[in-house]
Protein backbone atom coordinates (compact mmCIF):
# COMPACT_ATOMS: atom_id res chain seq x y z
CA MET A 1 -18.52 -0.34 21.88
CA ALA A 2 -17.95 2.41 19.47
CA ARG A 3 -20.16 5.20 19.44
CA TRP A 4 -20.77 7.41 16.43
CA ARG A 5 -20.04 11.18 17.19
CA SER A 6 -22.20 13.87 15.75
CA ARG A 7 -23.05 17.37 16.38
CA GLY A 8 -25.90 17.48 18.71
CA GLY A 9 -25.89 13.77 19.49
CA CYS A 10 -27.76 11.02 17.92
CA GLN A 11 -30.63 11.70 20.04
CA ARG A 12 -31.25 14.76 17.95
CA ARG A 13 -31.74 12.68 14.74
CA ALA A 14 -35.45 13.87 14.20
CA ALA A 15 -34.61 17.72 14.74
CA TRP A 16 -31.88 17.22 12.33
CA THR A 17 -33.70 15.88 9.60
CA ARG A 18 -36.42 18.59 10.01
CA GLY A 19 -33.89 21.65 10.13
CA ASP A 20 -31.90 20.46 7.29
CA PRO A 21 -33.74 17.91 5.03
CA GLN A 22 -30.23 16.87 3.39
CA ARG A 23 -28.35 16.01 6.53
CA ALA A 24 -27.12 12.58 6.92
CA VAL A 25 -27.50 11.17 10.31
CA TYR A 26 -25.15 8.34 11.37
CA TYR A 27 -25.67 5.79 14.07
CA PRO A 28 -24.55 2.11 14.88
CA GLY A 29 -25.81 -0.09 12.39
CA GLY A 30 -26.60 2.07 9.57
CA VAL A 31 -27.15 5.44 7.87
CA THR A 32 -30.31 7.35 7.32
CA THR A 33 -30.41 10.14 4.82
CA ALA A 34 -33.47 12.32 4.38
CA GLN A 35 -33.60 13.83 1.08
CA PRO A 36 -36.81 15.93 -0.64
CA GLU A 37 -39.04 14.25 -3.06
CA ASN A 38 -37.53 16.50 -5.96
CA ALA A 39 -33.72 15.91 -5.31
CA PRO A 40 -31.99 14.96 -8.45
CA GLN A 41 -31.38 11.11 -8.60
CA PRO A 42 -27.66 10.05 -9.15
CA ALA A 43 -27.02 8.47 -12.72
CA PRO A 44 -26.54 4.84 -12.60
CA ALA A 45 -23.32 3.32 -12.03
CA HIS A 46 -21.52 1.83 -15.12
CA ASP A 47 -21.08 -1.96 -14.94
CA PRO A 48 -18.75 -3.67 -14.96
CA ALA A 49 -16.84 -0.73 -12.84
CA PRO A 50 -13.19 0.14 -13.73
CA LEU A 51 -10.48 -1.82 -12.38
CA GLY A 52 -9.70 -0.69 -9.03
CA ALA A 53 -12.73 1.13 -8.50
CA LYS A 54 -14.63 -1.31 -6.65
CA GLY A 55 -14.16 -1.13 -2.77
CA ARG A 56 -12.90 2.65 -2.98
CA THR A 57 -16.29 4.05 -2.22
CA GLY A 58 -19.41 3.16 -0.52
CA PRO A 59 -20.16 1.25 2.86
CA LEU A 60 -17.12 -0.39 4.48
CA GLN A 61 -16.85 -4.16 3.76
CA PRO A 62 -14.80 -6.82 5.47
CA GLY A 63 -11.21 -6.85 4.15
CA ASP A 64 -11.14 -3.03 3.53
CA ARG A 65 -8.44 -1.03 4.74
CA VAL A 66 -9.14 2.09 6.55
CA GLN A 67 -7.24 4.88 8.05
CA LEU A 68 -7.79 6.06 11.57
CA THR A 69 -6.76 9.43 12.87
CA ASP A 70 -6.97 10.83 16.20
CA ALA A 71 -7.19 14.28 17.28
CA LYS A 72 -3.54 14.66 17.44
CA GLY A 73 -3.15 13.52 13.82
CA ARG A 74 -1.67 10.15 14.85
CA MET A 75 -2.72 7.61 12.10
CA HIS A 76 -3.42 3.74 12.14
CA THR A 77 -4.08 1.60 9.23
CA VAL A 78 -6.45 -1.02 9.94
CA THR A 79 -7.74 -4.19 7.74
CA LEU A 80 -11.32 -4.80 8.71
CA VAL A 81 -11.90 -8.14 10.16
CA PRO A 82 -15.27 -9.45 11.54
CA GLY A 83 -15.09 -10.18 15.19
CA LYS A 84 -11.71 -8.49 15.72
CA GLU A 85 -10.99 -5.49 17.76
CA PHE A 86 -8.75 -2.39 17.31
CA HIS A 87 -6.63 -1.75 20.36
CA THR A 88 -4.55 1.17 21.77
CA HIS A 89 -3.11 1.85 25.09
CA LYS A 90 -6.32 4.17 25.51
CA GLY A 91 -9.12 1.82 24.81
CA PHE A 92 -10.51 -0.32 21.89
CA PHE A 93 -13.43 -0.78 19.50
CA ARG A 94 -14.82 -3.55 17.57
CA HIS A 95 -14.26 -3.63 13.56
CA ASP A 96 -17.93 -4.90 13.48
CA ASP A 97 -18.92 -1.40 14.52
CA LEU A 98 -17.24 0.10 11.23
CA ILE A 99 -18.25 -2.84 8.72
CA GLY A 100 -21.46 -1.95 6.85
CA GLY A 101 -21.16 1.76 7.79
CA PRO A 102 -19.85 4.83 5.78
CA GLU A 103 -16.59 6.37 5.79
CA GLY A 104 -15.87 9.83 6.90
CA VAL A 105 -17.32 9.31 10.23
CA VAL A 106 -15.95 9.72 13.66
CA VAL A 107 -16.14 7.01 16.27
CA ALA A 108 -15.24 7.05 19.85
CA ASN A 109 -13.59 3.88 21.56
CA SER A 110 -14.36 2.34 24.79
CA ALA A 111 -12.14 5.03 26.61
CA ASP A 112 -13.97 7.78 24.67
CA VAL A 113 -11.10 8.44 22.47
CA GLU A 114 -12.19 9.72 18.96
CA PHE A 115 -10.89 8.66 15.56
CA GLN A 116 -11.80 9.58 12.10
CA VAL A 117 -12.55 6.68 9.76
CA LEU A 118 -11.45 7.07 6.03
CA ARG A 119 -10.20 4.92 3.41
CA PRO A 120 -6.37 5.50 2.67
CA LEU A 121 -5.54 7.45 -0.32
CA LEU A 122 -2.76 5.82 -2.65
CA SER A 123 -0.32 8.14 -1.08
CA ASP A 124 -1.31 6.86 2.27
CA TYR A 125 -1.44 3.30 1.15
CA VAL A 126 2.04 3.08 -0.29
CA LEU A 127 3.39 4.26 3.06
CA SER A 128 1.28 1.75 5.35
CA MET A 129 1.48 -1.32 3.10
CA PRO A 130 3.79 -4.10 3.89
CA ARG A 131 7.31 -3.76 2.13
CA GLY A 132 10.65 -5.19 2.08
CA ALA A 133 12.40 -2.77 -0.04
CA ALA A 134 12.56 1.05 0.17
CA ILE A 135 9.62 2.48 -1.92
CA VAL A 136 9.56 5.33 -4.17
CA TYR A 137 7.87 8.34 -2.20
CA PRO A 138 4.56 9.70 -3.44
CA LYS A 139 6.19 13.06 -4.17
CA ASP A 140 8.77 11.17 -6.60
CA ALA A 141 6.00 8.92 -8.07
CA ALA A 142 4.21 12.04 -8.97
CA GLN A 143 7.13 13.52 -10.56
CA ILE A 144 7.76 10.36 -12.51
CA ILE A 145 4.38 10.23 -13.99
CA MET A 146 4.14 13.94 -14.82
CA MET A 147 7.78 14.56 -15.99
CA GLY A 148 8.00 11.18 -17.56
CA ASP A 149 4.92 11.63 -19.56
CA VAL A 150 3.25 8.46 -18.67
CA PHE A 151 0.01 8.56 -20.86
CA PRO A 152 -2.99 6.25 -21.09
CA GLY A 153 -2.21 3.28 -23.06
CA ALA A 154 1.56 3.80 -22.83
CA ARG A 155 4.01 0.65 -22.81
CA VAL A 156 6.39 0.91 -19.61
CA LEU A 157 9.12 -1.13 -18.77
CA GLU A 158 10.02 -0.56 -15.21
CA ALA A 159 13.19 -2.18 -13.20
CA GLY A 160 13.50 -2.24 -9.60
CA VAL A 161 10.06 -2.87 -8.50
CA GLY A 162 10.62 -3.13 -4.82
CA SER A 163 7.41 -3.21 -2.76
CA GLY A 164 5.25 -2.09 -5.87
CA ALA A 165 4.62 1.61 -4.82
CA LEU A 166 5.56 3.14 -8.07
CA THR A 167 4.17 0.29 -10.10
CA MET A 168 0.63 1.15 -8.70
CA SER A 169 1.08 4.71 -9.93
CA LEU A 170 2.47 3.64 -13.47
CA LEU A 171 -0.85 1.21 -13.64
CA ARG A 172 -3.08 3.83 -12.79
CA ALA A 173 -1.35 6.15 -15.41
CA VAL A 174 -1.44 3.73 -18.43
CA GLY A 175 -4.90 2.29 -17.45
CA GLU A 176 -6.44 -1.14 -18.71
CA HIS A 177 -5.38 -0.67 -22.10
CA GLY A 178 -1.58 0.03 -21.59
CA HIS A 179 1.25 -2.27 -20.46
CA VAL A 180 3.58 -2.08 -17.58
CA HIS A 181 6.23 -4.91 -17.53
CA SER A 182 8.23 -4.89 -14.36
CA ILE A 183 11.57 -6.54 -13.61
CA GLU A 184 12.78 -7.33 -9.96
CA ARG A 185 16.08 -9.19 -9.26
CA ARG A 186 14.94 -10.59 -5.99
CA ALA A 187 11.90 -13.14 -5.98
CA ASP A 188 10.83 -12.28 -2.43
CA PHE A 189 10.44 -8.63 -3.40
CA ALA A 190 8.57 -9.62 -6.31
CA ASP A 191 6.23 -11.64 -4.29
CA ILE A 192 5.74 -8.58 -1.95
CA ALA A 193 4.93 -6.36 -4.86
CA ALA A 194 2.48 -8.68 -6.59
CA ALA A 195 0.41 -9.09 -3.21
CA ASN A 196 0.23 -5.29 -2.66
CA VAL A 197 -0.58 -4.54 -6.08
CA GLU A 198 -3.45 -7.25 -6.14
CA ALA A 199 -4.61 -5.85 -2.88
CA PHE A 200 -4.86 -2.41 -3.88
CA PHE A 201 -6.62 -3.04 -7.21
CA GLY A 202 -8.69 -5.94 -6.00
CA GLY A 203 -7.28 -8.55 -8.23
CA GLU A 204 -4.74 -9.17 -11.19
CA HIS A 205 -4.29 -6.18 -13.08
CA PRO A 206 -4.70 -6.97 -16.77
CA ALA A 207 -2.12 -4.46 -17.94
CA TRP A 208 0.75 -5.59 -15.81
CA SER A 209 3.32 -8.37 -16.09
CA LEU A 210 6.34 -9.26 -13.81
CA SER A 211 9.60 -11.01 -14.37
CA VAL A 212 12.33 -11.75 -11.98
CA GLY A 213 15.74 -11.49 -13.05
CA ASP A 214 18.39 -8.74 -14.28
CA PHE A 215 17.21 -5.99 -16.48
CA GLN A 216 20.13 -6.80 -18.99
CA ASP A 217 19.01 -10.13 -19.51
CA HIS A 218 15.16 -9.72 -19.63
CA ALA A 219 14.74 -6.27 -21.44
CA THR A 220 15.73 -7.30 -25.03
CA ALA A 221 14.42 -10.84 -24.44
CA LEU A 222 10.85 -9.70 -24.40
CA GLY A 223 10.85 -8.86 -27.97
CA GLN A 224 8.89 -5.83 -27.68
CA LYS A 225 9.13 -1.89 -27.84
CA PHE A 226 8.22 0.27 -24.94
CA ASP A 227 7.46 4.18 -24.74
CA ARG A 228 9.06 4.68 -21.53
CA VAL A 229 11.96 2.93 -19.36
CA VAL A 230 11.89 3.67 -15.75
CA LEU A 231 14.63 2.30 -13.68
CA ASP A 232 15.26 2.27 -9.89
CA MET A 233 18.34 0.72 -9.24
CA LEU A 234 21.87 0.88 -8.01
CA ALA A 235 23.67 1.12 -11.27
CA PRO A 236 21.17 2.30 -14.09
CA TRP A 237 24.13 3.39 -16.31
CA GLU A 238 24.80 -0.32 -16.79
CA CYS A 239 21.59 -0.68 -18.83
CA VAL A 240 21.79 2.20 -21.14
CA ASP A 241 22.28 0.07 -23.96
CA GLU A 242 19.58 -2.28 -23.33
CA ALA A 243 17.22 0.64 -22.78
CA PHE A 244 17.98 2.08 -26.02
CA GLU A 245 17.19 -1.27 -27.62
CA VAL A 246 13.83 -1.53 -26.36
CA LEU A 247 12.85 2.04 -26.67
CA GLU A 248 10.99 3.63 -29.46
CA PRO A 249 12.46 6.51 -31.13
CA GLY A 250 11.49 9.53 -29.06
CA GLY A 251 10.83 7.30 -26.09
CA LEU A 252 11.87 8.29 -22.58
CA PHE A 253 14.49 6.97 -20.46
CA LEU A 254 14.03 7.94 -16.49
CA ALA A 255 16.29 6.77 -13.64
CA TYR A 256 15.84 7.26 -10.05
CA VAL A 257 19.02 7.33 -7.85
CA ALA A 258 19.87 8.09 -4.32
CA THR A 259 23.50 9.97 -4.69
CA ALA A 260 25.14 12.31 -6.52
CA THR A 261 27.61 9.72 -7.61
CA GLN A 262 25.16 7.57 -9.12
CA LEU A 263 23.77 10.66 -10.87
CA SER A 264 26.93 11.73 -12.34
CA ARG A 265 27.57 8.28 -13.65
CA THR A 266 24.11 7.75 -15.27
CA VAL A 267 24.50 11.32 -17.24
CA GLU A 268 28.10 10.43 -18.37
CA ALA A 269 26.94 7.11 -19.57
CA LEU A 270 24.13 8.73 -21.46
CA ARG A 271 26.27 11.33 -23.00
CA GLU A 272 29.10 8.58 -24.03
CA HIS A 273 26.32 6.72 -25.65
CA GLY A 274 25.72 9.45 -28.37
CA PHE A 275 22.25 8.65 -29.15
CA TRP A 276 20.42 10.39 -26.21
CA CYS A 277 19.23 14.07 -26.07
CA GLU A 278 20.89 15.93 -23.46
CA PRO A 279 19.98 14.59 -19.88
CA ASP A 280 18.14 16.68 -17.57
CA ALA A 281 18.14 16.02 -13.94
CA TRP A 282 16.45 17.37 -10.49
CA GLU A 283 15.23 16.81 -7.00
CA SER A 284 12.28 17.83 -5.28
CA PHE A 285 11.55 18.98 -1.68
CA VAL A 286 7.89 19.01 -0.13
CA ARG A 287 7.44 21.36 2.77
CA GLY A 288 3.92 21.42 4.48
CA TRP A 289 2.56 24.53 6.07
CA HIS A 290 1.27 24.92 9.82
CA LEU A 291 -2.21 26.49 9.51
CA GLU A 292 -3.65 27.58 13.14
CA GLY A 293 -5.32 30.51 13.22
CA LEU A 294 -2.99 33.51 12.24
CA ALA A 295 -0.22 31.07 12.82
CA VAL A 296 0.40 30.36 9.20
CA ARG A 297 4.10 29.36 8.59
CA PRO A 298 6.22 26.60 7.10
CA GLN A 299 6.45 23.42 9.03
CA HIS A 300 9.50 22.73 11.15
CA ARG A 301 9.69 19.25 9.30
CA MET A 302 9.71 18.51 5.84
CA ILE A 303 10.12 15.70 3.41
CA GLY A 304 13.81 16.60 1.76
CA HIS A 305 15.96 14.58 -0.23
CA THR A 306 14.78 11.00 -1.11
CA GLY A 307 16.35 10.70 -4.57
CA PHE A 308 17.39 12.25 -8.09
CA LEU A 309 15.32 11.92 -11.20
CA VAL A 310 17.36 11.97 -14.31
CA THR A 311 15.69 11.71 -17.83
CA ALA A 312 16.72 11.59 -21.54
CA ARG A 313 15.02 11.15 -24.81
CA ARG A 314 15.97 8.36 -27.29
CA MET A 315 17.15 9.58 -30.78
CA ALA A 316 16.14 7.96 -33.99
CA ASP A 317 18.49 5.00 -35.35
CA GLY A 318 21.28 6.75 -37.11
CA ASN A 319 20.77 10.17 -35.71
CA VAL A 320 23.73 11.53 -33.41
CA ALA A 321 22.26 13.85 -30.58
CA LEU A 322 23.23 17.47 -30.84
CA GLU A 323 26.00 18.55 -28.30
CA ARG A 324 24.89 20.81 -25.92
CA ARG A 325 26.89 24.29 -26.07
CA ARG A 326 27.34 26.21 -22.95
CA ARG A 327 29.35 29.29 -22.01
CA PRO A 328 32.39 28.00 -20.23
CA ALA A 329 33.24 29.24 -16.91
CA LYS A 330 36.49 31.08 -16.42
CA GLY A 331 38.39 28.34 -14.63
CA ASN A 332 37.78 26.13 -17.54
CA TYR A 333 39.94 28.29 -19.94
CA VAL A 334 43.60 27.35 -20.45
CA PRO A 335 45.51 30.17 -22.43
CA GLY A 336 47.02 28.56 -25.60
CA ALA A 337 45.26 25.24 -25.46
CA GLU A 338 43.74 23.83 -28.55
CA GLY A 339 40.27 25.05 -29.23
CA ASN A 340 40.16 28.20 -27.62
CA GLU A 341 40.01 30.09 -31.04
CA SER A 342 36.56 30.98 -31.91
CA ASN A 343 35.30 29.27 -35.43
CA ASP A 344 32.67 31.86 -36.23
CA GLY A 345 32.76 34.38 -33.67
CA ASN A 346 28.91 33.97 -32.58
CA ASP A 347 29.59 31.32 -29.66
CA VAL A 348 32.74 33.09 -27.88
CA GLY A 349 32.73 33.00 -24.45
CA HIS A 350 34.80 34.62 -21.68
CA ASP A 351 38.48 35.48 -22.77
CA GLY A 352 37.62 34.61 -26.51
CA ALA A 353 37.36 30.79 -25.62
CA ASP A 354 34.75 29.19 -27.91
CA ASP A 355 31.46 27.85 -26.09
CA GLY A 356 31.54 24.39 -27.70
CA ASP A 357 35.40 23.75 -27.98
CA ALA A 358 36.76 25.25 -24.84
CA ALA A 359 39.70 23.45 -23.39
CA GLU A 360 39.02 21.93 -19.88
CA LEU A 361 41.50 21.81 -17.12
CA PRO A 362 42.86 18.33 -16.00
CA THR A 363 40.77 16.39 -13.85
CA GLY A 364 40.82 18.01 -10.25
CA ALA A 365 43.35 20.79 -11.25
CA SER A 366 40.93 23.56 -10.23
CA THR A 367 38.71 21.97 -7.72
CA GLY A 368 41.41 20.35 -5.43
CA VAL A 369 39.68 17.00 -5.61
CA ASP A 370 42.15 14.00 -5.81
CA ALA A 371 42.00 12.69 -9.54
CA ALA A 372 42.54 9.25 -8.03
CA GLN A 373 39.33 9.44 -6.29
CA ILE A 374 37.27 10.49 -9.15
CA GLU A 375 38.61 7.91 -11.31
CA ALA A 376 38.09 5.20 -8.65
CA LEU A 377 34.39 6.35 -8.49
CA HIS A 378 34.06 5.93 -12.08
CA SER A 379 35.80 2.66 -12.56
CA ASP A 380 33.78 -0.12 -13.96
CA ASP A 381 35.69 -2.42 -11.39
CA LEU A 382 34.01 -0.71 -8.48
CA THR A 383 31.28 -2.83 -6.75
CA TRP A 384 28.01 -1.18 -6.20
CA ASP A 385 25.97 -2.55 -3.31
CA PRO A 386 23.42 -1.33 -0.99
CA GLN A 387 25.98 -1.26 1.90
CA GLN A 388 28.03 1.47 0.33
CA PHE A 389 24.88 3.80 0.62
CA GLY A 390 24.50 3.30 4.36
CA GLU A 391 21.35 0.76 3.56
CA LYS A 392 21.18 -2.10 5.76
CA ASP A 393 20.62 -5.88 4.72
CA ILE A 394 17.03 -7.17 5.41
CA ALA A 395 16.94 -10.21 7.58
CA ASP A 396 15.42 -13.28 5.46
CA ARG A 397 13.24 -13.62 8.58
CA LYS A 398 11.91 -10.22 8.38
CA VAL A 399 11.36 -10.43 4.42
CA ARG A 400 9.42 -13.84 5.13
CA ARG A 401 7.24 -11.91 7.69
CA ILE A 402 6.57 -9.67 5.36
CA VAL A 403 5.54 -11.74 2.34
CA ARG A 404 2.83 -13.37 4.85
CA GLU A 405 1.41 -9.87 5.73
CA ALA A 406 1.19 -8.84 2.04
CA HIS A 407 -0.44 -12.11 1.08
CA ALA A 408 -2.82 -11.86 3.97
CA GLN A 409 -3.94 -8.36 3.40
CA ARG A 410 -4.36 -9.55 -0.37
CA ASP A 411 -6.50 -12.36 0.44
CA ALA A 412 -8.54 -10.42 2.97
CA ARG A 413 -9.14 -7.52 0.45
CA LEU A 414 -10.11 -10.08 -2.26
CA ALA A 415 -12.37 -12.15 -0.03
CA GLY A 416 -14.07 -8.66 1.10
CA LEU A 417 -14.91 -8.02 -2.59
CA ARG A 418 -16.42 -11.36 -3.07
CA GLY A 419 -18.44 -10.95 0.09
CA ASP A 420 -16.78 -13.86 1.91
CA ALA A 421 -16.56 -12.58 5.40
CA GLU A 422 -15.24 -16.03 6.66
CA ALA A 423 -12.43 -16.00 4.23
CA VAL A 424 -11.33 -12.43 5.73
CA VAL A 425 -11.25 -14.08 9.04
CA ASP A 426 -9.10 -16.93 7.73
CA ALA A 427 -6.77 -14.50 6.06
CA ALA A 428 -6.17 -12.59 9.33
CA MET A 429 -5.51 -15.66 11.06
CA ILE A 430 -2.91 -16.83 8.87
CA SER A 431 -0.94 -13.88 9.09
CA GLY A 432 -0.76 -14.53 12.94
CA GLY A 433 -3.19 -11.65 13.44
CA ALA A 434 -0.37 -9.05 13.00
CA LYS A 435 -2.34 -7.00 10.61
CA ALA A 436 -5.75 -7.41 12.27
CA SER A 437 -4.84 -4.67 14.73
CA GLY A 438 -3.48 -2.39 12.26
CA ARG A 439 -0.06 -2.15 13.46
CA VAL A 440 2.88 -3.94 11.53
CA GLY A 441 4.81 -6.46 13.83
CA ARG A 442 2.58 -6.42 16.74
CA TYR A 443 0.07 -9.10 18.09
CA ASP A 444 -3.51 -9.00 17.86
CA PRO A 445 -4.89 -8.45 21.31
CA THR A 446 -7.97 -10.24 20.63
CA LEU A 447 -6.07 -13.40 19.23
CA LYS A 448 -4.02 -13.16 22.22
CA ARG A 449 -7.02 -13.27 24.47
CA GLU A 450 -8.56 -16.10 22.59
CA LEU A 451 -5.28 -18.31 23.02
CA LEU A 452 -4.97 -17.48 26.81
CA ASP A 453 -8.60 -18.53 27.47
CA ALA A 454 -8.06 -21.81 25.44
CA GLU A 455 -4.92 -22.54 27.59
CA ARG A 456 -6.78 -21.65 30.73
CA ALA A 457 -9.55 -24.07 29.72
CA GLN A 458 -7.12 -26.77 28.94
CA LEU A 459 -5.28 -26.33 32.49
CA ASN A 460 -8.56 -26.43 34.15
CA SER A 461 -9.83 -29.48 32.55
CA THR A 462 -6.61 -31.01 33.61
CA ASP A 463 -6.74 -30.08 37.35
CA HIS A 464 -10.38 -31.58 37.21
CA LYS A 465 -9.17 -34.85 35.82
CA GLU A 466 -6.53 -35.00 38.53
């Protein structure tokens, strides 16, 4: 049985309310808050609530996902199901002890191990939701929203929806009056993404549409213009022409790639097209800090390289982008080569070479890189697949399991918002109980115990008949 933890203990509720009239007292089965008579009343809630706001605050309900954190910082994400239990190797507690109570409390299990109970943030949710494809990490999704200037009401075309992590951030940014159209090549990944998005927002998002197929086939066939194009795929350079056709003048192209080779090919394709502004590329690193007394220092572990981001702005039709003029490096100057002479004397670089027209050495001549290797990497005949980047194929059996889990979480969430506790239990049972315990791919101890009891009862009845 779970027990609420509070400073001074639950037996001191009367002393708490007398000493601090605004102190909230938590105990199993409810919450009591004493307030002074002249306390300001909260403003009435707007009805209807904005999409996705329902179930984000207030008492915990069946179907809600909660994040349990112990004293060592270990986190477990649980879908609350009436009648179920959360088990670890150190005790258990019942989901019913949390349902109906507030978040932000500390609960102790049967072994007196304490957990903080909170709803997961979006950054926590995308890391714990069922996923078949690798997700765009929260640090990169934040960069995409900010550096891509995804504004409320924007029209965004996304390709490579994966498990839907970036889609959730885009939908939050554009709002209900914007539009995000996502394209995914694999139908099973699209199914997982749709279930995750519906579970997070509590239903279908009116600003989202999803297509299954190739970007080159669907982008222009949509017959509409977009303000932003966001590509998360292996070969975004193959989609530059289609992205140009569907973008508004001044619109932004953004690609998320994993390797420097992909980054190089994408940038060169944008430059060769001629109607894109000079591309910008970067990556980001996030390093947490250890905060304990006077020991304030960077943490030993950090989120390092996850991917590169490259952006470019679309020029208006018939307007060629200006070529970026740079001061050439000394190694790029070839004496006597055409283009070394300065045209106006204002842009002369090292050794009198003109910044914009300096001749370059033959490929690989000054770097020691084999020209044949570079040519092979940039060949159009090269087949790009996940195995070349060290990614493993996901087994069909695993994908089917993830689809079931994603659907079960969505159904439980929607049933909880409707107040249908029985449907929440049914959704958990459909998934085999794998998510009711809050641990992906593991059995639900409660479900296993029920099956064992039923099996023993059947054996006993057989023995009595004999």
